[in-house]
C-alpha atoms as a PDB file:
ATOM      1  CA  UNK A   1     134.939 119.469 170.083  1.00  0.00           C
ATOM      2  CA  UNK A   2     131.437 120.877 170.389  1.00  0.00           C
ATOM      3  CA  UNK A   3     130.827 123.118 173.419  1.00  0.00           C
ATOM      4  CA  UNK A   4     127.362 123.453 174.957  1.00  0.00           C
ATOM      5  CA  UNK A   5     125.962 125.838 177.541  1.00  0.00           C
ATOM      6  CA  UNK A   6     124.799 123.656 180.429  1.00  0.00           C
ATOM      7  CA  UNK A   7     121.145 124.606 180.591  1.00  0.00           C
ATOM      8  CA  UNK A   8     120.494 127.858 182.455  1.00  0.00           C
ATOM      9  CA  UNK A   9     123.854 127.775 184.244  1.00  0.00           C
ATOM     10  CA  UNK A  10     126.793 129.877 183.118  1.00  0.00           C
ATOM     11  CA  UNK A  11     128.901 126.748 182.578  1.00  0.00           C
ATOM     12  CA  UNK A  12     130.062 125.847 179.076  1.00  0.00           C
ATOM     13  CA  UNK A  13     130.925 122.171 178.819  1.00  0.00           C
ATOM     14  CA  UNK A  14     132.355 119.926 176.162  1.00  0.00           C
ATOM     15  CA  UNK A  15     129.946 117.485 174.537  1.00  0.00           C
ATOM     16  CA  UNK A  16     132.152 114.677 175.868  1.00  0.00           C
ATOM     17  CA  UNK A  17     132.888 114.580 179.593  1.00  0.00           C
ATOM     18  CA  UNK A  18     135.093 112.426 181.784  1.00  0.00           C
ATOM     19  CA  UNK A  19     133.153 110.067 184.070  1.00  0.00           C
ATOM     20  CA  UNK A  20     134.932 109.101 187.264  1.00  0.00           C
ATOM     21  CA  UNK A  21     133.326 105.712 187.873  1.00  0.00           C
ATOM     22  CA  UNK A  22     136.384 103.861 186.574  1.00  0.00           C
ATOM     23  CA  UNK A  23     138.946 106.443 187.663  1.00  0.00           C
ATOM     24  CA  UNK A  24     140.233 104.913 190.867  1.00  0.00           C
ATOM     25  CA  UNK A  25     143.108 102.800 192.097  1.00  0.00           C
ATOM     26  CA  UNK A  26     140.778  99.863 192.709  1.00  0.00           C
ATOM     27  CA  UNK A  27     141.297  97.209 190.044  1.00  0.00           C
ATOM     28  CA  UNK A  28     143.045  99.700 187.788  1.00  0.00           C
ATOM     29  CA  UNK A  29     146.515 100.992 187.039  1.00  0.00           C
ATOM     30  CA  UNK A  30     147.091 104.265 188.871  1.00  0.00           C
ATOM     31  CA  UNK A  31     149.559 105.713 186.387  1.00  0.00           C
ATOM     32  CA  UNK A  32     147.425 104.696 183.409  1.00  0.00           C
ATOM     33  CA  UNK A  33     144.437 106.411 184.984  1.00  0.00           C
ATOM     34  CA  UNK A  34     146.465 109.558 185.556  1.00  0.00           C
ATOM     35  CA  UNK A  35     147.546 109.570 181.911  1.00  0.00           C
ATOM     36  CA  UNK A  36     143.911 109.152 180.853  1.00  0.00           C
ATOM     37  CA  UNK A  37     142.710 112.152 182.875  1.00  0.00           C
ATOM     38  CA  UNK A  38     145.575 114.362 181.735  1.00  0.00           C
ATOM     39  CA  UNK A  39     145.050 113.287 178.129  1.00  0.00           C
ATOM     40  CA  UNK A  40     141.364 114.191 178.391  1.00  0.00           C
ATOM     41  CA  UNK A  41     142.218 117.695 179.609  1.00  0.00           C
ATOM     42  CA  UNK A  42     144.926 118.031 176.966  1.00  0.00           C
ATOM     43  CA  UNK A  43     142.404 117.244 174.221  1.00  0.00           C
ATOM     44  CA  UNK A  44     139.988 119.841 175.550  1.00  0.00           C
ATOM     45  CA  UNK A  45     137.533 117.859 177.686  1.00  0.00           C
ATOM     46  CA  UNK A  46     136.520 120.295 180.411  1.00  0.00           C
ATOM     47  CA  UNK A  47     134.050 118.428 182.609  1.00  0.00           C
ATOM     48  CA  UNK A  48     134.960 115.751 185.155  1.00  0.00           C
ATOM     49  CA  UNK A  49     132.382 113.925 187.300  1.00  0.00           C
ATOM     50  CA  UNK A  50     132.943 111.760 190.356  1.00  0.00           C
ATOM     51  CA  UNK A  51     131.171 110.570 193.523  1.00  0.00           C
ATOM     52  CA  UNK A  52     131.895 109.166 196.985  1.00  0.00           C
ATOM     53  CA  UNK A  53     130.406 105.876 195.805  1.00  0.00           C
ATOM     54  CA  UNK A  54     132.924 105.415 192.979  1.00  0.00           C
ATOM     55  CA  UNK A  55     135.469 103.509 195.085  1.00  0.00           C
ATOM     56  CA  UNK A  56     138.295 106.001 195.820  1.00  0.00           C
ATOM     57  CA  UNK A  57     137.695 108.065 192.685  1.00  0.00           C
ATOM     58  CA  UNK A  58     137.545 111.386 194.572  1.00  0.00           C
ATOM     59  CA  UNK A  59     140.878 110.749 196.264  1.00  0.00           C
ATOM     60  CA  UNK A  60     142.565 109.651 193.039  1.00  0.00           C
ATOM     61  CA  UNK A  61     141.161 112.587 191.056  1.00  0.00           C
ATOM     62  CA  UNK A  62     142.343 114.940 193.787  1.00  0.00           C
ATOM     63  CA  UNK A  63     145.856 113.700 193.128  1.00  0.00           C
ATOM     64  CA  UNK A  64     145.493 113.663 189.341  1.00  0.00           C
ATOM     65  CA  UNK A  65     144.105 117.198 189.147  1.00  0.00           C
ATOM     66  CA  UNK A  66     146.391 118.808 191.716  1.00  0.00           C
ATOM     67  CA  UNK A  67     148.339 121.588 190.052  1.00  0.00           C
ATOM     68  CA  UNK A  68     146.208 121.621 186.878  1.00  0.00           C
ATOM     69  CA  UNK A  69     145.859 125.254 185.835  1.00  0.00           C
ATOM     70  CA  UNK A  70     143.500 125.029 182.867  1.00  0.00           C
ATOM     71  CA  UNK A  71     139.836 125.615 183.735  1.00  0.00           C
ATOM     72  CA  UNK A  72     137.506 122.639 184.078  1.00  0.00           C
ATOM     73  CA  UNK A  73     134.103 121.894 185.576  1.00  0.00           C
ATOM     74  CA  UNK A  74     134.022 119.424 188.467  1.00  0.00           C
ATOM     75  CA  UNK A  75     130.992 117.690 189.938  1.00  0.00           C
ATOM     76  CA  UNK A  76     130.572 115.240 192.773  1.00  0.00           C
ATOM     77  CA  UNK A  77     127.694 113.889 194.837  1.00  0.00           C
ATOM     78  CA  UNK A  78     126.297 113.443 198.322  1.00  0.00           C
ATOM     79  CA  UNK A  79     126.108 110.040 199.910  1.00  0.00           C
ATOM     80  CA  UNK A  80     128.061 106.959 200.809  1.00  0.00           C
ATOM     81  CA  UNK A  81     129.601 108.222 204.035  1.00  0.00           C
ATOM     82  CA  UNK A  82     129.605 107.927 206.926  1.00  0.00           C
ATOM     83  CA  UNK A  83     128.464 104.313 207.002  1.00  0.00           C
ATOM     84  CA  UNK A  84     125.609 103.793 207.597  1.00  0.00           C
ATOM     85  CA  UNK A  85     124.641 106.965 205.771  1.00  0.00           C
ATOM     86  CA  UNK A  86     121.490 108.818 206.808  1.00  0.00           C
ATOM     87  CA  UNK A  87     120.563 111.442 204.168  1.00  0.00           C
ATOM     88  CA  UNK A  88     118.153 113.119 206.585  1.00  0.00           C
ATOM     89  CA  UNK A  89     120.944 113.909 209.033  1.00  0.00           C
ATOM     90  CA  UNK A  90     122.347 117.379 208.291  1.00  0.00           C
ATOM     91  CA  UNK A  91     125.582 116.673 210.139  1.00  0.00           C
ATOM     92  CA  UNK A  92     126.190 113.636 207.948  1.00  0.00           C
ATOM     93  CA  UNK A  93     125.408 115.619 204.788  1.00  0.00           C
ATOM     94  CA  UNK A  94     127.920 118.307 205.759  1.00  0.00           C
ATOM     95  CA  UNK A  95     130.436 115.611 206.691  1.00  0.00           C
ATOM     96  CA  UNK A  96     130.023 113.927 203.300  1.00  0.00           C
ATOM     97  CA  UNK A  97     130.612 117.152 201.397  1.00  0.00           C
ATOM     98  CA  UNK A  98     133.504 118.296 203.591  1.00  0.00           C
ATOM     99  CA  UNK A  99     135.174 114.939 203.049  1.00  0.00           C
ATOM    100  CA  UNK A 100     134.702 115.312 199.285  1.00  0.00           C
ATOM    101  CA  UNK A 101     136.440 118.697 199.329  1.00  0.00           C
ATOM    102  CA  UNK A 102     139.374 117.303 201.291  1.00  0.00           C
ATOM    103  CA  UNK A 103     139.795 114.291 199.009  1.00  0.00           C
ATOM    104  CA  UNK A 104     139.467 116.392 195.861  1.00  0.00           C
ATOM    105  CA  UNK A 105     141.849 118.995 197.315  1.00  0.00           C
ATOM    106  CA  UNK A 106     139.386 121.724 196.425  1.00  0.00           C
ATOM    107  CA  UNK A 107     137.803 124.659 198.211  1.00  0.00           C
ATOM    108  CA  UNK A 108     134.662 124.470 196.053  1.00  0.00           C
ATOM    109  CA  UNK A 109     133.004 122.281 193.427  1.00  0.00           C
ATOM    110  CA  UNK A 110     130.940 123.452 190.480  1.00  0.00           C
ATOM    111  CA  UNK A 111     128.002 121.022 190.788  1.00  0.00           C
ATOM    112  CA  UNK A 112     126.884 118.946 193.762  1.00  0.00           C
ATOM    113  CA  UNK A 113     124.381 116.207 192.927  1.00  0.00           C
ATOM    114  CA  UNK A 114     121.999 114.277 195.108  1.00  0.00           C
ATOM    115  CA  UNK A 115     123.017 110.737 194.229  1.00  0.00           C
ATOM    116  CA  UNK A 116     120.298 108.204 193.486  1.00  0.00           C
ATOM    117  CA  UNK A 117     117.304 109.917 195.132  1.00  0.00           C
ATOM    118  CA  UNK A 118     115.034 107.349 193.519  1.00  0.00           C
ATOM    119  CA  UNK A 119     115.866 104.495 195.892  1.00  0.00           C
ATOM    120  CA  UNK A 120     113.611 104.605 198.957  1.00  0.00           C
ATOM    121  CA  UNK A 121     114.911 102.334 201.671  1.00  0.00           C
ATOM    122  CA  UNK A 122     118.528 102.830 200.624  1.00  0.00           C
ATOM    123  CA  UNK A 123     118.742 106.602 200.375  1.00  0.00           C
ATOM    124  CA  UNK A 124     115.452 107.964 201.729  1.00  0.00           C
ATOM    125  CA  UNK A 125     116.245 111.587 200.970  1.00  0.00           C
ATOM    126  CA  UNK A 126     112.810 113.142 201.229  1.00  0.00           C
ATOM    127  CA  UNK A 127     110.207 113.632 203.940  1.00  0.00           C
ATOM    128  CA  UNK A 128     107.451 113.144 201.385  1.00  0.00           C
ATOM    129  CA  UNK A 129     107.447 111.685 197.884  1.00  0.00           C
ATOM    130  CA  UNK A 130     104.676 114.150 196.989  1.00  0.00           C
ATOM    131  CA  UNK A 131     106.359 117.380 198.049  1.00  0.00           C
ATOM    132  CA  UNK A 132     110.054 116.468 197.714  1.00  0.00           C
ATOM    133  CA  UNK A 133     111.446 118.385 200.625  1.00  0.00           C
ATOM    134  CA  UNK A 134     113.959 117.436 203.255  1.00  0.00           C
ATOM    135  CA  UNK A 135     117.155 118.482 205.050  1.00  0.00           C
ATOM    136  CA  UNK A 136     119.257 117.804 201.958  1.00  0.00           C
ATOM    137  CA  UNK A 137     117.733 120.793 200.182  1.00  0.00           C
ATOM    138  CA  UNK A 138     118.452 123.059 203.151  1.00  0.00           C
ATOM    139  CA  UNK A 139     122.077 121.910 203.092  1.00  0.00           C
ATOM    140  CA  UNK A 140     122.352 122.451 199.337  1.00  0.00           C
ATOM    141  CA  UNK A 141     120.930 125.965 199.680  1.00  0.00           C
ATOM    142  CA  UNK A 142     123.374 126.739 202.490  1.00  0.00           C
ATOM    143  CA  UNK A 143     126.384 125.457 200.561  1.00  0.00           C
ATOM    144  CA  UNK A 144     125.320 127.487 197.543  1.00  0.00           C
ATOM    145  CA  UNK A 145     124.881 130.682 199.597  1.00  0.00           C
ATOM    146  CA  UNK A 146     128.322 130.189 201.134  1.00  0.00           C
ATOM    147  CA  UNK A 147     129.903 129.825 197.697  1.00  0.00           C
ATOM    148  CA  UNK A 148     131.079 126.260 198.305  1.00  0.00           C
ATOM    149  CA  UNK A 149     129.066 124.977 195.347  1.00  0.00           C
ATOM    150  CA  UNK A 150     127.870 126.857 192.296  1.00  0.00           C
ATOM    151  CA  UNK A 151     124.998 124.664 191.155  1.00  0.00           C
ATOM    152  CA  UNK A 152     122.861 121.816 192.459  1.00  0.00           C
ATOM    153  CA  UNK A 153     121.935 118.666 190.636  1.00  0.00           C
ATOM    154  CA  UNK A 154     119.832 115.542 190.807  1.00  0.00           C
ATOM    155  CA  UNK A 155     121.130 112.239 189.496  1.00  0.00           C
ATOM    156  CA  UNK A 156     119.579 108.808 189.245  1.00  0.00           C
ATOM    157  CA  UNK A 157     118.638 105.803 187.192  1.00  0.00           C
ATOM    158  CA  UNK A 158     114.859 105.464 187.296  1.00  0.00           C
ATOM    159  CA  UNK A 159     112.653 107.673 185.177  1.00  0.00           C
ATOM    160  CA  UNK A 160     109.219 108.351 186.625  1.00  0.00           C
ATOM    161  CA  UNK A 161     110.277 109.202 190.183  1.00  0.00           C
ATOM    162  CA  UNK A 162     113.062 111.351 188.729  1.00  0.00           C
ATOM    163  CA  UNK A 163     110.548 113.126 186.519  1.00  0.00           C
ATOM    164  CA  UNK A 164     108.415 113.954 189.551  1.00  0.00           C
ATOM    165  CA  UNK A 165     111.460 115.320 191.353  1.00  0.00           C
ATOM    166  CA  UNK A 166     112.446 117.473 188.375  1.00  0.00           C
ATOM    167  CA  UNK A 167     108.909 118.853 188.017  1.00  0.00           C
ATOM    168  CA  UNK A 168     108.531 119.689 191.723  1.00  0.00           C
ATOM    169  CA  UNK A 169     112.001 121.059 192.469  1.00  0.00           C
ATOM    170  CA  UNK A 170     114.500 123.677 191.324  1.00  0.00           C
ATOM    171  CA  UNK A 171     117.762 121.865 190.756  1.00  0.00           C
ATOM    172  CA  UNK A 172     120.084 123.256 188.095  1.00  0.00           C
ATOM    173  CA  UNK A 173     121.349 120.060 186.466  1.00  0.00           C
ATOM    174  CA  UNK A 174     120.014 116.564 185.754  1.00  0.00           C
ATOM    175  CA  UNK A 175     122.306 113.553 185.518  1.00  0.00           C
ATOM    176  CA  UNK A 176     120.482 110.592 184.017  1.00  0.00           C
ATOM    177  CA  UNK A 177     122.161 107.210 183.671  1.00  0.00           C
ATOM    178  CA  UNK A 178     121.366 103.746 182.272  1.00  0.00           C
ATOM    179  CA  UNK A 179     118.136 104.985 180.704  1.00  0.00           C
ATOM    180  CA  UNK A 180     119.140 106.670 177.463  1.00  0.00           C
ATOM    181  CA  UNK A 181     121.175 104.601 175.017  1.00  0.00           C
ATOM    182  CA  UNK A 182     120.741 102.681 171.782  1.00  0.00           C
ATOM    183  CA  UNK A 183     118.089 100.223 172.980  1.00  0.00           C
ATOM    184  CA  UNK A 184     117.177 101.691 176.368  1.00  0.00           C
ATOM    185  CA  UNK A 185     115.363 105.002 175.987  1.00  0.00           C
ATOM    186  CA  UNK A 186     113.053 105.450 178.961  1.00  0.00           C
ATOM    187  CA  UNK A 187     114.446 108.912 179.724  1.00  0.00           C
ATOM    188  CA  UNK A 188     113.233 110.374 176.438  1.00  0.00           C
ATOM    189  CA  UNK A 189     109.571 109.828 177.337  1.00  0.00           C
ATOM    190  CA  UNK A 190     109.158 112.140 180.347  1.00  0.00           C
ATOM    191  CA  UNK A 191     112.453 112.832 182.125  1.00  0.00           C
ATOM    192  CA  UNK A 192     114.481 114.661 179.486  1.00  0.00           C
ATOM    193  CA  UNK A 193     111.456 116.712 178.323  1.00  0.00           C
ATOM    194  CA  UNK A 194     110.699 117.715 181.932  1.00  0.00           C
ATOM    195  CA  UNK A 195     114.295 118.811 182.537  1.00  0.00           C
ATOM    196  CA  UNK A 196     114.390 120.688 179.243  1.00  0.00           C
ATOM    197  CA  UNK A 197     111.166 122.511 180.127  1.00  0.00           C
ATOM    198  CA  UNK A 198     112.730 123.621 183.422  1.00  0.00           C
ATOM    199  CA  UNK A 199     115.871 124.874 181.637  1.00  0.00           C
ATOM    200  CA  UNK A 200     118.106 122.354 183.400  1.00  0.00           C
ATOM    201  CA  UNK A 201     121.475 121.276 182.180  1.00  0.00           C
ATOM    202  CA  UNK A 202     121.301 117.631 181.084  1.00  0.00           C
ATOM    203  CA  UNK A 203     124.173 115.209 181.596  1.00  0.00           C
ATOM    204  CA  UNK A 204     123.841 111.684 180.184  1.00  0.00           C
ATOM    205  CA  UNK A 205     125.765 108.855 181.803  1.00  0.00           C
ATOM    206  CA  UNK A 206     126.721 105.415 180.519  1.00  0.00           C
ATOM    207  CA  UNK A 207     126.225 105.773 176.750  1.00  0.00           C
ATOM    208  CA  UNK A 208     127.528 102.200 176.470  1.00  0.00           C
ATOM    209  CA  UNK A 209     124.914 101.008 178.984  1.00  0.00           C
ATOM    210  CA  UNK A 210     127.751  99.947 181.278  1.00  0.00           C
ATOM    211  CA  UNK A 211     128.851  97.179 178.988  1.00  0.00           C
ATOM    212  CA  UNK A 212     125.934  96.340 176.702  1.00  0.00           C
ATOM    213  CA  UNK A 213     127.443  98.341 173.845  1.00  0.00           C
ATOM    214  CA  UNK A 214     131.133  98.164 174.710  1.00  0.00           C
ATOM    215  CA  UNK A 215     131.579  95.482 172.051  1.00  0.00           C
ATOM    216  CA  UNK A 216     129.662  92.769 170.211  1.00  0.00           C
ATOM    217  CA  UNK A 217     128.484  89.805 172.273  1.00  0.00           C
ATOM    218  CA  UNK A 218     127.900  87.230 169.575  1.00  0.00           C
ATOM    219  CA  UNK A 219     128.846  84.438 171.973  1.00  0.00           C
ATOM    220  CA  UNK A 220     126.010  85.478 174.300  1.00  0.00           C
ATOM    221  CA  UNK A 221     123.481  85.572 171.447  1.00  0.00           C
ATOM    222  CA  UNK A 222     124.604  82.166 170.206  1.00  0.00           C
ATOM    223  CA  UNK A 223     124.255  80.616 173.664  1.00  0.00           C
ATOM    224  CA  UNK A 224     121.774  82.896 175.431  1.00  0.00           C
ATOM    225  CA  UNK A 225     121.373  82.957 179.216  1.00  0.00           C
ATOM    226  CA  UNK A 226     117.989  82.224 180.770  1.00  0.00           C
ATOM    227  CA  UNK A 227     117.164  85.896 181.357  1.00  0.00           C
ATOM    228  CA  UNK A 228     117.743  87.048 177.755  1.00  0.00           C
ATOM    229  CA  UNK A 229     114.334  87.255 176.098  1.00  0.00           C
ATOM    230  CA  UNK A 230     113.907  86.128 172.470  1.00  0.00           C
ATOM    231  CA  UNK A 231     112.732  89.655 171.617  1.00  0.00           C
ATOM    232  CA  UNK A 232     115.895  91.288 173.017  1.00  0.00           C
ATOM    233  CA  UNK A 233     118.084  88.689 171.321  1.00  0.00           C
ATOM    234  CA  UNK A 234     116.451  89.409 167.949  1.00  0.00           C
ATOM    235  CA  UNK A 235     116.766  93.144 168.529  1.00  0.00           C
ATOM    236  CA  UNK A 236     120.480  92.960 169.328  1.00  0.00           C
ATOM    237  CA  UNK A 237     121.074  90.742 166.308  1.00  0.00           C
ATOM    238  CA  UNK A 238     119.394  93.375 164.137  1.00  0.00           C
ATOM    239  CA  UNK A 239     121.601  96.041 165.732  1.00  0.00           C
ATOM    240  CA  UNK A 240     124.699  94.011 164.856  1.00  0.00           C
ATOM    241  CA  UNK A 241     123.435  93.632 161.290  1.00  0.00           C
ATOM    242  CA  UNK A 242     123.173  97.428 161.104  1.00  0.00           C
ATOM    243  CA  UNK A 243     126.739  98.033 162.259  1.00  0.00           C
ATOM    244  CA  UNK A 244     127.928  95.590 159.626  1.00  0.00           C
ATOM    245  CA  UNK A 245     125.995  97.441 156.919  1.00  0.00           C
ATOM    246  CA  UNK A 246     127.276 100.884 157.871  1.00  0.00           C
ATOM    247  CA  UNK A 247     130.818  99.837 158.826  1.00  0.00           C
ATOM    248  CA  UNK A 248     130.750 101.353 162.310  1.00  0.00           C
ATOM    249  CA  UNK A 249     131.670  99.762 165.629  1.00  0.00           C
ATOM    250  CA  UNK A 250     129.011  99.225 168.283  1.00  0.00           C
ATOM    251  CA  UNK A 251     130.686 101.631 170.771  1.00  0.00           C
ATOM    252  CA  UNK A 252     130.969 104.413 168.195  1.00  0.00           C
ATOM    253  CA  UNK A 253     127.360 103.963 167.140  1.00  0.00           C
ATOM    254  CA  UNK A 254     126.224 103.978 170.777  1.00  0.00           C
ATOM    255  CA  UNK A 255     128.102 107.126 171.725  1.00  0.00           C
ATOM    256  CA  UNK A 256     127.146 109.035 168.595  1.00  0.00           C
ATOM    257  CA  UNK A 257     123.509 108.103 169.183  1.00  0.00           C
ATOM    258  CA  UNK A 258     123.556 109.875 172.559  1.00  0.00           C
ATOM    259  CA  UNK A 259     125.477 112.818 171.062  1.00  0.00           C
ATOM    260  CA  UNK A 260     122.623 113.112 168.553  1.00  0.00           C
ATOM    261  CA  UNK A 261     120.005 114.081 171.168  1.00  0.00           C
ATOM    262  CA  UNK A 262     119.581 117.864 170.849  1.00  0.00           C
ATOM    263  CA  UNK A 263     118.761 118.405 174.544  1.00  0.00           C
ATOM    264  CA  UNK A 264     121.690 116.490 176.058  1.00  0.00           C
ATOM    265  CA  UNK A 265     124.501 118.911 176.800  1.00  0.00           C
ATOM    266  CA  UNK A 266     127.294 116.542 177.779  1.00  0.00           C
ATOM    267  CA  UNK A 267     127.896 112.789 177.841  1.00  0.00           C
ATOM    268  CA  UNK A 268     129.896 111.073 180.581  1.00  0.00           C
ATOM    269  CA  UNK A 269     132.234 108.354 179.413  1.00  0.00           C
ATOM    270  CA  UNK A 270     134.314 106.351 181.854  1.00  0.00           C
ATOM    271  CA  UNK A 271     137.858 105.776 180.618  1.00  0.00           C
ATOM    272  CA  UNK A 272     140.700 103.609 181.833  1.00  0.00           C
ATOM    273  CA  UNK A 273     143.496 104.656 179.452  1.00  0.00           C
ATOM    274  CA  UNK A 274     144.735 107.500 177.297  1.00  0.00           C
ATOM    275  CA  UNK A 275     144.031 105.363 174.221  1.00  0.00           C
ATOM    276  CA  UNK A 276     140.344 105.146 175.211  1.00  0.00           C
ATOM    277  CA  UNK A 277     140.280 108.931 175.585  1.00  0.00           C
ATOM    278  CA  UNK A 278     141.696 109.368 172.081  1.00  0.00           C
ATOM    279  CA  UNK A 279     139.050 107.041 170.644  1.00  0.00           C
ATOM    280  CA  UNK A 280     136.208 108.744 172.476  1.00  0.00           C
ATOM    281  CA  UNK A 281     137.328 112.218 171.444  1.00  0.00           C
ATOM    282  CA  UNK A 282     137.399 111.159 167.782  1.00  0.00           C
ATOM    283  CA  UNK A 283     133.888 109.780 168.202  1.00  0.00           C
ATOM    284  CA  UNK A 284     132.693 113.030 169.801  1.00  0.00           C
ATOM    285  CA  UNK A 285     134.245 115.055 167.001  1.00  0.00           C
ATOM    286  CA  UNK A 286     132.368 112.912 164.461  1.00  0.00           C
ATOM    287  CA  UNK A 287     129.202 114.235 166.106  1.00  0.00           C
ATOM    288  CA  UNK A 288     125.590 113.313 165.557  1.00  0.00           C
ATOM    289  CA  UNK A 289     124.533 110.373 163.421  1.00  0.00           C
ATOM    290  CA  UNK A 290     122.990 110.964 159.986  1.00  0.00           C
ATOM    291  CA  UNK A 291     119.166 111.030 159.946  1.00  0.00           C
ATOM    292  CA  UNK A 292     118.902 107.806 157.938  1.00  0.00           C
ATOM    293  CA  UNK A 293     120.896 105.870 160.545  1.00  0.00           C
ATOM    294  CA  UNK A 294     118.819 107.393 163.354  1.00  0.00           C
ATOM    295  CA  UNK A 295     115.684 106.260 161.514  1.00  0.00           C
ATOM    296  CA  UNK A 296     117.012 102.705 161.294  1.00  0.00           C
ATOM    297  CA  UNK A 297     117.886 102.754 164.987  1.00  0.00           C
ATOM    298  CA  UNK A 298     114.341 103.906 165.755  1.00  0.00           C
ATOM    299  CA  UNK A 299     112.990 100.898 163.867  1.00  0.00           C
ATOM    300  CA  UNK A 300     115.253  98.552 165.808  1.00  0.00           C
ATOM    301  CA  UNK A 301     114.279 100.179 169.104  1.00  0.00           C
ATOM    302  CA  UNK A 302     110.587  99.686 168.339  1.00  0.00           C
ATOM    303  CA  UNK A 303     111.182  95.933 168.157  1.00  0.00           C
ATOM    304  CA  UNK A 304     111.293  96.008 171.982  1.00  0.00           C
ATOM    305  CA  UNK A 305     110.583  99.476 173.441  1.00  0.00           C
ATOM    306  CA  UNK A 306     110.576  98.290 177.068  1.00  0.00           C
ATOM    307  CA  UNK A 307     112.727  96.224 179.435  1.00  0.00           C
ATOM    308  CA  UNK A 308     111.633  92.631 180.004  1.00  0.00           C
ATOM    309  CA  UNK A 309     111.251  92.082 183.746  1.00  0.00           C
ATOM    310  CA  UNK A 310     114.045  89.510 183.945  1.00  0.00           C
ATOM    311  CA  UNK A 311     116.627  91.760 182.303  1.00  0.00           C
ATOM    312  CA  UNK A 312     119.458  93.290 184.368  1.00  0.00           C
ATOM    313  CA  UNK A 313     119.750  97.061 184.565  1.00  0.00           C
ATOM    314  CA  UNK A 314     123.424  97.456 183.829  1.00  0.00           C
ATOM    315  CA  UNK A 315     126.319  95.334 182.675  1.00  0.00           C
ATOM    316  CA  UNK A 316     125.328  91.721 183.347  1.00  0.00           C
ATOM    317  CA  UNK A 317     125.664  91.082 179.617  1.00  0.00           C
ATOM    318  CA  UNK A 318     129.429  91.156 180.233  1.00  0.00           C
ATOM    319  CA  UNK A 319     129.157  88.048 182.428  1.00  0.00           C
ATOM    320  CA  UNK A 320     125.783  86.928 181.176  1.00  0.00           C
ATOM    321  CA  UNK A 321     125.607  83.428 182.639  1.00  0.00           C
ATOM    322  CA  UNK A 322     126.311  84.679 186.162  1.00  0.00           C
ATOM    323  CA  UNK A 323     122.919  86.395 186.273  1.00  0.00           C
ATOM    324  CA  UNK A 324     119.679  84.401 186.162  1.00  0.00           C
ATOM    325  CA  UNK A 325     117.166  87.205 186.558  1.00  0.00           C
ATOM    326  CA  UNK A 326     115.130  88.559 189.495  1.00  0.00           C
ATOM    327  CA  UNK A 327     113.203  85.891 191.353  1.00  0.00           C
ATOM    328  CA  UNK A 328     114.863  83.031 189.463  1.00  0.00           C
ATOM    329  CA  UNK A 329     116.790  80.232 191.158  1.00  0.00           C
ATOM    330  CA  UNK A 330     120.521  80.869 191.204  1.00  0.00           C
END
């Protein structure tokens, strides 16, 4: 599998990484999850990401990775505890990180991310949105000086606030999620270029858009929910026509599209089984898409290069009729 240097860090990471969002004992089989993580390491994947907000993912990964001797990169995030969590309280920030270390059964982690800094009112990390400073940066600097973390990172879902943070700060790694995939490409406009200019490592999350590209949803297109715009429906139908022409599944196309971006160093993929790991590794080994397919995807993207206001951010397509859109009667 392709190995990339993670920006200006001294970390070399596999192009495919193991996302911890679905690695937990909540709604999943513990032993199957353990097999998935061990299979990923066996096949050479060397980067594992988790967070306090991913159910009990840190605790489960601490058990799965205990005793593993081969080298791997591990990242986690601030936030989520104690409840309520105040990101401007240094004691709470230290508590959150100390708890992560205990659950992960580690003395250090390679990368510590600020999780979702782009959500004022939920996690109001900064004293000022113009200067981007606050206690969290003091804590990150302290942890780095003490050798408890090697690198700092910023991770979020929105683009323009994240771009401002990247431009005005000195984090080592960017984790961007839900905004760079087949039909959702906001991150390529300002965020990825800004991070590349700063020499940051770039981690892309949710190449399947948390469900949009996990499979075909012909039943949703044939009986569309109220929030699905005619433009998006036509765009997805054209995408399905393309996969039929080229003989490639939607998930493979989606993952290889993200692998094709020259500035993305590693791609997080959540897995629930060893079989999913095997499939994803084969997809990663297939590498970037041919230029002619990328050109066709660009044409399809240009059919609707923005998100209609009623459209859900993540995986509502999986249970499409349960979501009516923001501001609409339930």
